[in-house]
N, C-alpha and C. Protein backbone atom coordinates (compact mmCIF):
# COMPACT_ATOMS: atom_id res chain seq x y z
N MET A 1 0.85 -1.17 0.00
CA MET A 1 0.00 0.00 0.00
C MET A 1 0.90 1.24 0.00
N SER A 2 0.61 2.18 -0.86
CA SER A 2 1.43 3.39 -0.94
C SER A 2 1.18 4.30 0.26
N VAL A 3 2.15 5.15 0.54
CA VAL A 3 2.01 6.05 1.68
C VAL A 3 0.84 7.00 1.47
N LEU A 4 0.57 7.42 0.26
CA LEU A 4 -0.56 8.32 0.01
C LEU A 4 -1.88 7.61 0.30
N VAL A 5 -2.00 6.36 -0.03
CA VAL A 5 -3.21 5.60 0.28
C VAL A 5 -3.38 5.51 1.80
N LYS A 6 -2.30 5.27 2.51
CA LYS A 6 -2.35 5.21 3.98
C LYS A 6 -2.77 6.55 4.57
N ILE A 7 -2.22 7.63 4.02
CA ILE A 7 -2.58 8.96 4.50
C ILE A 7 -4.06 9.24 4.24
N ASN A 8 -4.52 8.97 3.04
CA ASN A 8 -5.93 9.22 2.71
C ASN A 8 -6.86 8.43 3.61
N HIS A 9 -6.50 7.19 3.89
CA HIS A 9 -7.30 6.36 4.80
C HIS A 9 -7.31 6.99 6.20
N TYR A 10 -6.16 7.41 6.66
CA TYR A 10 -6.05 8.04 7.98
C TYR A 10 -6.90 9.32 8.03
N LEU A 11 -6.83 10.13 6.98
CA LEU A 11 -7.60 11.37 6.94
C LEU A 11 -9.10 11.09 7.01
N ARG A 12 -9.55 10.07 6.30
CA ARG A 12 -10.98 9.71 6.35
C ARG A 12 -11.38 9.22 7.74
N GLN A 13 -10.53 8.40 8.35
CA GLN A 13 -10.84 7.83 9.66
C GLN A 13 -10.86 8.88 10.76
N THR A 14 -10.00 9.86 10.66
CA THR A 14 -9.86 10.85 11.74
C THR A 14 -10.56 12.17 11.44
N ASP A 15 -11.00 12.36 10.21
CA ASP A 15 -11.61 13.62 9.79
C ASP A 15 -10.64 14.79 9.96
N MET A 16 -9.35 14.50 9.77
CA MET A 16 -8.31 15.53 9.88
C MET A 16 -8.07 16.12 8.50
N GLY A 17 -7.79 17.39 8.44
CA GLY A 17 -7.47 18.04 7.18
C GLY A 17 -6.08 17.66 6.70
N ALA A 18 -5.88 17.74 5.41
CA ALA A 18 -4.60 17.36 4.81
C ALA A 18 -3.46 18.25 5.30
N ALA A 19 -3.68 19.54 5.37
CA ALA A 19 -2.62 20.46 5.82
C ALA A 19 -2.28 20.20 7.29
N THR A 20 -3.29 19.95 8.09
CA THR A 20 -3.06 19.66 9.51
C THR A 20 -2.25 18.38 9.64
N PHE A 21 -2.60 17.36 8.87
CA PHE A 21 -1.85 16.11 8.92
C PHE A 21 -0.38 16.35 8.60
N GLY A 22 -0.12 17.02 7.51
CA GLY A 22 1.26 17.26 7.10
C GLY A 22 2.05 18.03 8.14
N ARG A 23 1.41 19.04 8.70
CA ARG A 23 2.06 19.86 9.72
C ARG A 23 2.37 19.03 10.97
N ARG A 24 1.41 18.24 11.41
CA ARG A 24 1.62 17.45 12.63
C ARG A 24 2.57 16.28 12.40
N ALA A 25 2.49 15.67 11.24
CA ALA A 25 3.31 14.48 10.98
C ALA A 25 4.77 14.81 10.71
N VAL A 26 5.00 15.82 9.85
CA VAL A 26 6.38 16.09 9.43
C VAL A 26 6.69 17.58 9.31
N ASN A 27 5.84 18.41 9.90
CA ASN A 27 6.04 19.86 9.88
C ASN A 27 6.07 20.43 8.45
N ASP A 28 5.16 19.92 7.61
CA ASP A 28 5.07 20.36 6.22
C ASP A 28 3.60 20.38 5.82
N SER A 29 2.97 21.54 5.89
CA SER A 29 1.54 21.63 5.61
C SER A 29 1.20 21.32 4.15
N ARG A 30 2.17 21.37 3.25
CA ARG A 30 1.93 21.07 1.84
C ARG A 30 2.20 19.61 1.48
N LEU A 31 2.56 18.80 2.44
CA LEU A 31 2.94 17.41 2.19
C LEU A 31 1.92 16.65 1.36
N VAL A 32 0.68 16.60 1.82
CA VAL A 32 -0.34 15.79 1.15
C VAL A 32 -0.63 16.33 -0.24
N ALA A 33 -0.74 17.63 -0.36
CA ALA A 33 -0.98 18.23 -1.68
C ALA A 33 0.16 17.88 -2.64
N ASP A 34 1.39 17.97 -2.16
CA ASP A 34 2.54 17.64 -3.00
C ASP A 34 2.54 16.16 -3.39
N LEU A 35 2.20 15.29 -2.45
CA LEU A 35 2.14 13.85 -2.76
C LEU A 35 1.06 13.58 -3.81
N ARG A 36 -0.06 14.26 -3.68
CA ARG A 36 -1.15 14.08 -4.64
C ARG A 36 -0.77 14.59 -6.03
N ARG A 37 0.18 15.52 -6.08
CA ARG A 37 0.68 16.03 -7.36
C ARG A 37 1.86 15.24 -7.89
N GLY A 38 2.24 14.16 -7.21
CA GLY A 38 3.29 13.30 -7.72
C GLY A 38 4.61 13.32 -6.99
N ARG A 39 4.73 14.07 -5.92
CA ARG A 39 5.98 14.07 -5.14
C ARG A 39 6.29 12.65 -4.68
N GLN A 40 7.53 12.26 -4.83
CA GLN A 40 7.97 10.93 -4.42
C GLN A 40 8.78 11.06 -3.13
N PRO A 41 8.22 10.62 -2.01
CA PRO A 41 8.92 10.77 -0.74
C PRO A 41 10.05 9.74 -0.60
N ARG A 42 11.09 10.16 0.08
CA ARG A 42 12.20 9.25 0.36
C ARG A 42 11.84 8.36 1.54
N ALA A 43 12.64 7.34 1.73
CA ALA A 43 12.35 6.33 2.77
C ALA A 43 12.23 6.94 4.16
N GLY A 44 13.07 7.90 4.49
CA GLY A 44 13.02 8.51 5.82
C GLY A 44 11.72 9.25 6.06
N LEU A 45 11.23 9.95 5.06
CA LEU A 45 9.97 10.67 5.18
C LEU A 45 8.81 9.69 5.31
N VAL A 46 8.84 8.64 4.52
CA VAL A 46 7.79 7.61 4.62
C VAL A 46 7.78 7.02 6.03
N ALA A 47 8.95 6.76 6.59
CA ALA A 47 9.03 6.19 7.94
C ALA A 47 8.44 7.14 8.97
N ARG A 48 8.71 8.44 8.83
CA ARG A 48 8.15 9.43 9.76
C ARG A 48 6.63 9.49 9.66
N ILE A 49 6.12 9.45 8.43
CA ILE A 49 4.67 9.49 8.21
C ILE A 49 4.02 8.25 8.81
N GLU A 50 4.59 7.09 8.53
CA GLU A 50 4.02 5.84 9.05
C GLU A 50 4.08 5.79 10.57
N ALA A 51 5.14 6.31 11.16
CA ALA A 51 5.25 6.35 12.62
C ALA A 51 4.17 7.26 13.21
N PHE A 52 3.94 8.40 12.58
CA PHE A 52 2.90 9.31 13.06
C PHE A 52 1.54 8.62 13.01
N ILE A 53 1.24 7.97 11.90
CA ILE A 53 -0.04 7.28 11.76
C ILE A 53 -0.17 6.19 12.82
N ALA A 54 0.88 5.41 13.00
CA ALA A 54 0.83 4.31 13.98
C ALA A 54 0.66 4.84 15.41
N ASN A 55 1.30 5.94 15.71
CA ASN A 55 1.26 6.48 17.06
C ASN A 55 0.00 7.25 17.39
N THR A 56 -0.74 7.66 16.36
CA THR A 56 -1.94 8.46 16.61
C THR A 56 -3.23 7.77 16.19
N SER A 57 -3.14 6.59 15.62
CA SER A 57 -4.35 5.87 15.22
C SER A 57 -5.17 5.50 16.46
N GLY A 58 -6.46 5.62 16.32
CA GLY A 58 -7.35 5.26 17.41
C GLY A 58 -7.61 6.38 18.41
N ARG A 59 -7.02 7.53 18.19
CA ARG A 59 -7.24 8.65 19.10
C ARG A 59 -8.45 9.47 18.70
N GLY A 60 -9.04 9.15 17.57
CA GLY A 60 -10.21 9.90 17.12
C GLY A 60 -9.85 11.24 16.54
N ARG A 61 -10.82 12.07 16.46
CA ARG A 61 -10.64 13.39 15.85
C ARG A 61 -9.76 14.26 16.72
N SER A 62 -8.76 14.92 16.08
CA SER A 62 -7.84 15.77 16.83
C SER A 62 -7.88 17.19 16.31
């Protein structure tokens, strides 16, 4: 599963905005928009995103 698919799933589950997600996950409010436009994240960025998702899943709307 691609990181963008994981992010989109997380956004739907938490009702979090894309800019908020990017800012909280990796301090980049344009992250999701850039990924949707084709940005290819490096392994370290993917790891940070996945860690954020894993650590905040199940907390509900933030």
